Protein backbone atom coordinates (compact mmCIF):
# COMPACT_ATOMS: atom_id res chain seq x y z
CA MET A 1 167.77 98.26 -28.02
CA THR A 2 169.96 100.87 -26.38
CA PRO A 3 172.43 99.98 -23.65
CA SER A 4 170.41 101.99 -21.12
CA SER A 5 167.25 99.95 -21.81
CA GLU A 6 169.29 96.73 -21.44
CA TYR A 7 170.57 97.98 -18.08
CA LEU A 8 167.03 98.80 -16.98
CA LYS A 9 165.84 95.36 -18.06
CA ALA A 10 168.72 93.69 -16.16
CA TYR A 11 168.02 95.86 -13.11
CA GLU A 12 164.31 94.95 -13.08
CA SER A 13 165.19 91.28 -13.47
CA ALA A 14 167.68 91.39 -10.57
CA LYS A 15 165.15 93.30 -8.45
CA GLN A 16 162.53 90.62 -9.11
CA GLU A 17 165.00 87.83 -8.31
CA LEU A 18 165.96 89.45 -5.00
CA ALA A 19 162.29 89.84 -4.03
CA ASP A 20 161.66 86.18 -4.96
CA LEU A 21 164.66 84.99 -2.93
CA LEU A 22 163.61 87.01 0.11
CA THR A 23 160.08 85.61 -0.17
CA GLN A 24 161.51 82.08 -0.33
CA GLN A 25 163.67 82.83 2.71
CA GLN A 26 160.61 84.08 4.62
CA GLU A 27 158.63 80.96 3.67
CA ALA A 28 161.55 78.74 4.72
CA GLN A 29 161.62 80.54 8.10
CA ARG A 30 157.90 79.84 8.57
CA ARG A 31 158.39 76.17 7.69
CA ILE A 32 161.32 75.85 10.10
CA VAL A 33 159.18 77.21 12.95
CA LEU A 34 156.30 74.87 12.05
CA VAL A 35 158.54 71.81 11.79
CA ARG A 36 160.28 72.60 15.09
CA GLN A 37 156.90 72.97 16.78
CA SER A 38 155.74 69.69 15.24
CA LEU A 39 158.86 67.92 16.50
CA GLN A 40 158.23 69.16 20.04
CA THR A 41 154.57 68.16 19.95
CA LEU A 42 155.30 64.74 18.49
CA ALA A 43 158.12 64.15 20.98
CA GLY A 44 155.70 64.92 23.81
CA LEU A 45 153.09 62.56 22.38
CA CYS A 46 155.64 59.78 21.93
CA GLU A 47 156.89 60.30 25.47
CA SER A 48 153.36 60.20 26.89
CA GLU A 49 152.80 56.86 25.13
CA GLY A 50 156.12 55.43 26.31
CA VAL A 51 157.61 55.42 22.80
CA GLU A 52 161.37 55.95 22.72
CA ILE A 53 162.59 58.48 20.16
CA LYS A 54 165.98 59.71 19.11
CA PRO A 55 165.91 63.50 19.62
CA SER A 56 166.47 65.68 16.58
CA SER A 57 170.05 66.87 16.71
CA GLU A 58 169.12 69.74 14.38
CA ALA A 59 166.29 70.96 16.64
CA SER A 60 168.49 70.58 19.71
CA TYR A 61 171.27 72.52 18.02
CA LEU A 62 168.93 75.38 17.09
CA LEU A 63 167.56 75.47 20.63
CA GLU A 64 170.95 75.39 22.33
CA GLN A 65 172.72 77.84 19.99
CA SER A 66 170.02 80.52 19.93
CA THR A 67 169.56 83.26 22.47
CA LEU A 68 166.08 84.27 23.57
CA ALA A 69 166.37 87.36 21.34
CA ASP A 70 167.38 85.17 18.37
CA GLU A 71 164.34 82.98 18.85
CA ILE A 72 162.03 85.98 19.20
CA ARG A 73 163.43 87.30 15.91
CA THR A 74 162.77 83.91 14.30
CA ILE A 75 159.18 83.93 15.54
CA LEU A 76 158.52 87.50 14.38
CA LYS A 77 160.07 86.80 10.97
CA ALA A 78 157.93 83.69 10.59
CA ALA A 79 154.79 85.73 11.38
CA SER A 80 155.73 88.66 9.14
CA PRO A 81 153.96 90.85 8.12
CA GLU A 82 151.50 90.09 10.93
CA CYS A 83 151.85 91.64 14.39
CA LEU A 84 152.13 89.48 17.51
CA ARG A 85 151.35 90.22 21.12
CA PRO A 86 153.99 89.24 23.69
CA ARG A 87 151.83 86.33 24.90
CA HIS A 88 151.83 84.91 21.34
CA VAL A 89 155.61 85.14 21.33
CA ARG A 90 155.74 83.40 24.75
CA ASP A 91 153.47 80.58 23.54
CA ALA A 92 155.51 80.14 20.36
CA LEU A 93 158.75 79.98 22.39
CA ALA A 94 157.25 77.25 24.57
CA ARG A 95 156.12 75.29 21.50
CA LEU A 96 159.67 75.50 20.13
CA GLY A 97 160.85 73.73 23.28
CA HIS A 98 162.14 76.61 25.38
CA ASP A 99 162.08 76.04 29.11
CA LEU A 100 160.67 79.38 30.18
CA THR A 101 160.71 78.32 33.84
CA GLN A 102 164.37 79.37 33.92
CA TYR A 103 163.12 82.97 34.00
CA GLN A 104 161.58 84.34 37.18
CA ASN A 105 158.98 86.19 35.11
CA PRO A 106 159.05 84.92 31.50
CA GLN A 107 156.42 87.35 30.26
CA ALA A 108 158.33 90.37 31.64
CA THR A 109 161.55 89.06 30.09
CA ILE A 110 159.88 88.73 26.68
CA HIS A 111 158.40 92.23 27.03
CA MET A 112 161.86 93.60 27.86
CA VAL A 113 163.47 91.92 24.82
CA LEU A 114 160.70 93.20 22.54
CA LYS A 115 161.00 96.73 23.98
CA ARG A 116 164.78 96.75 23.37
CA MET A 117 164.26 95.53 19.81
CA ALA A 118 161.68 98.28 19.27
CA GLU A 119 164.03 100.92 20.70
CA SER A 120 166.79 99.79 18.34
CA GLY A 121 164.39 99.91 15.37
CA GLU A 122 164.68 96.19 14.72
CA VAL A 123 160.98 95.66 15.36
CA GLN A 124 157.94 97.90 15.21
CA GLU A 125 155.84 98.39 18.32
CA ILE A 126 152.23 98.95 17.32
CA PRO A 127 149.57 99.79 19.93
CA ILE A 128 146.16 98.16 19.65
CA PRO A 129 143.68 101.04 19.35
CA GLY A 130 141.40 101.50 22.35
CA ILE A 131 143.03 99.03 24.73
CA GLY A 132 146.61 100.27 24.97
CA LYS A 133 148.20 96.82 24.55
CA LYS A 134 151.18 96.54 22.23
CA THR A 135 151.87 94.26 19.29
CA TYR A 136 155.18 93.72 17.54
CA ARG A 137 156.41 92.88 14.07
CA MET A 138 159.73 92.92 12.28
CA SER A 139 160.78 96.24 10.75
CA GLY A 140 161.84 96.51 7.18
CA PRO A 141 160.30 95.59 3.89
CA ASN A 142 158.10 92.57 3.39
CA PRO A 143 159.36 91.48 -0.03
CA ALA A 144 156.21 89.61 -1.05
CA ALA A 145 153.88 92.45 -0.02
CA SER A 146 156.17 95.11 -1.56
CA LEU A 147 156.29 93.30 -4.87
CA ARG A 148 152.52 92.71 -4.93
CA ALA A 149 151.86 96.38 -4.11
CA GLU A 150 154.23 97.47 -6.86
CA GLN A 151 152.35 95.23 -9.27
CA GLY A 152 149.01 96.69 -8.13
CA GLU A 153 147.94 93.66 -6.09
CA THR A 154 146.72 93.59 -2.51
CA TYR A 155 147.89 91.42 0.37
CA ASP A 156 146.75 87.85 -0.15
CA GLU A 157 145.11 86.67 3.07
CA LYS A 158 145.24 83.05 1.84
CA ASN A 159 149.03 83.02 2.04
CA MET A 160 149.41 84.38 5.56
CA GLY A 161 146.22 85.26 7.37
CA PRO A 162 144.75 84.52 10.77
CA ASP A 163 144.31 80.78 10.05
CA ASN A 164 148.02 80.35 9.29
CA LEU A 165 148.90 82.37 12.38
CA ARG A 166 146.79 79.96 14.44
CA VAL A 167 148.89 77.13 13.08
CA LEU A 168 152.15 78.98 13.75
CA PHE A 169 151.28 80.40 17.13
CA GLY A 170 148.07 78.73 18.29
CA ALA A 171 147.44 75.37 19.84
CA VAL A 172 148.64 72.43 17.80
CA PRO A 173 145.86 69.83 17.53
CA GLY A 174 146.62 66.89 19.79
CA GLY A 175 149.48 68.74 21.46
CA HIS A 176 149.94 69.35 25.16
CA GLY A 177 150.15 73.11 24.83
CA ARG A 178 153.74 73.71 25.91
CA GLY A 179 155.61 71.40 23.59
CA ARG A 180 156.30 68.75 26.21
CA GLY A 181 154.66 65.57 27.37
CA ARG A 182 151.94 65.50 30.00
CA GLY A 183 154.47 65.14 32.77
CA GLY A 184 156.41 68.20 31.60
CA SER A 185 159.63 66.28 31.03
CA ARG A 186 162.21 67.64 28.62
CA ARG A 187 164.08 64.36 28.33
CA GLY A 188 166.44 64.80 25.40
CA HIS A 189 164.52 67.46 23.51
CA GLY A 190 164.78 70.76 25.31
CA ARG A 191 167.37 73.29 26.40
CA ARG A 192 169.82 71.86 28.85
CA GLY A 193 170.54 74.19 31.71
């Protein structure tokens, strides 16, 4: 084997490893969102039943240390390569434990953040044909889809299709819709303000 073929082999191997690592990172991001949503839902259920819990310091840390834009990025990355409407982003923020009542008009605030991200090129703004509404998704390559396309495969709906999006951004079975107990309390598991 010539040195140039060895270099090509090493390059292809490194390229594959990077794609695999980015795919793992994307899957970890999805799992983090799902687990955070589960924590919020379960905390609300425990609270509604009068069960005392010790709040997750990790979830509280993520909530307190992240800006609204950071959390929107997290949500869009978790949904990638799918597009989300601003209302899906709003619902996902609420299920992560964000107190959106601190904003006079939460939906307008989310729209503004998404617009700024689109203007900077960080996200793609994609209009829905015929109705003029906008959807958003993260810009940049989707490592899993890029690798599959390069290998002649098509997008695998089983891995991230509408059913998984319902889990990520739809109603959680048995939940109270906004990630809090029936009374709306945030006792110990929401942003302190």
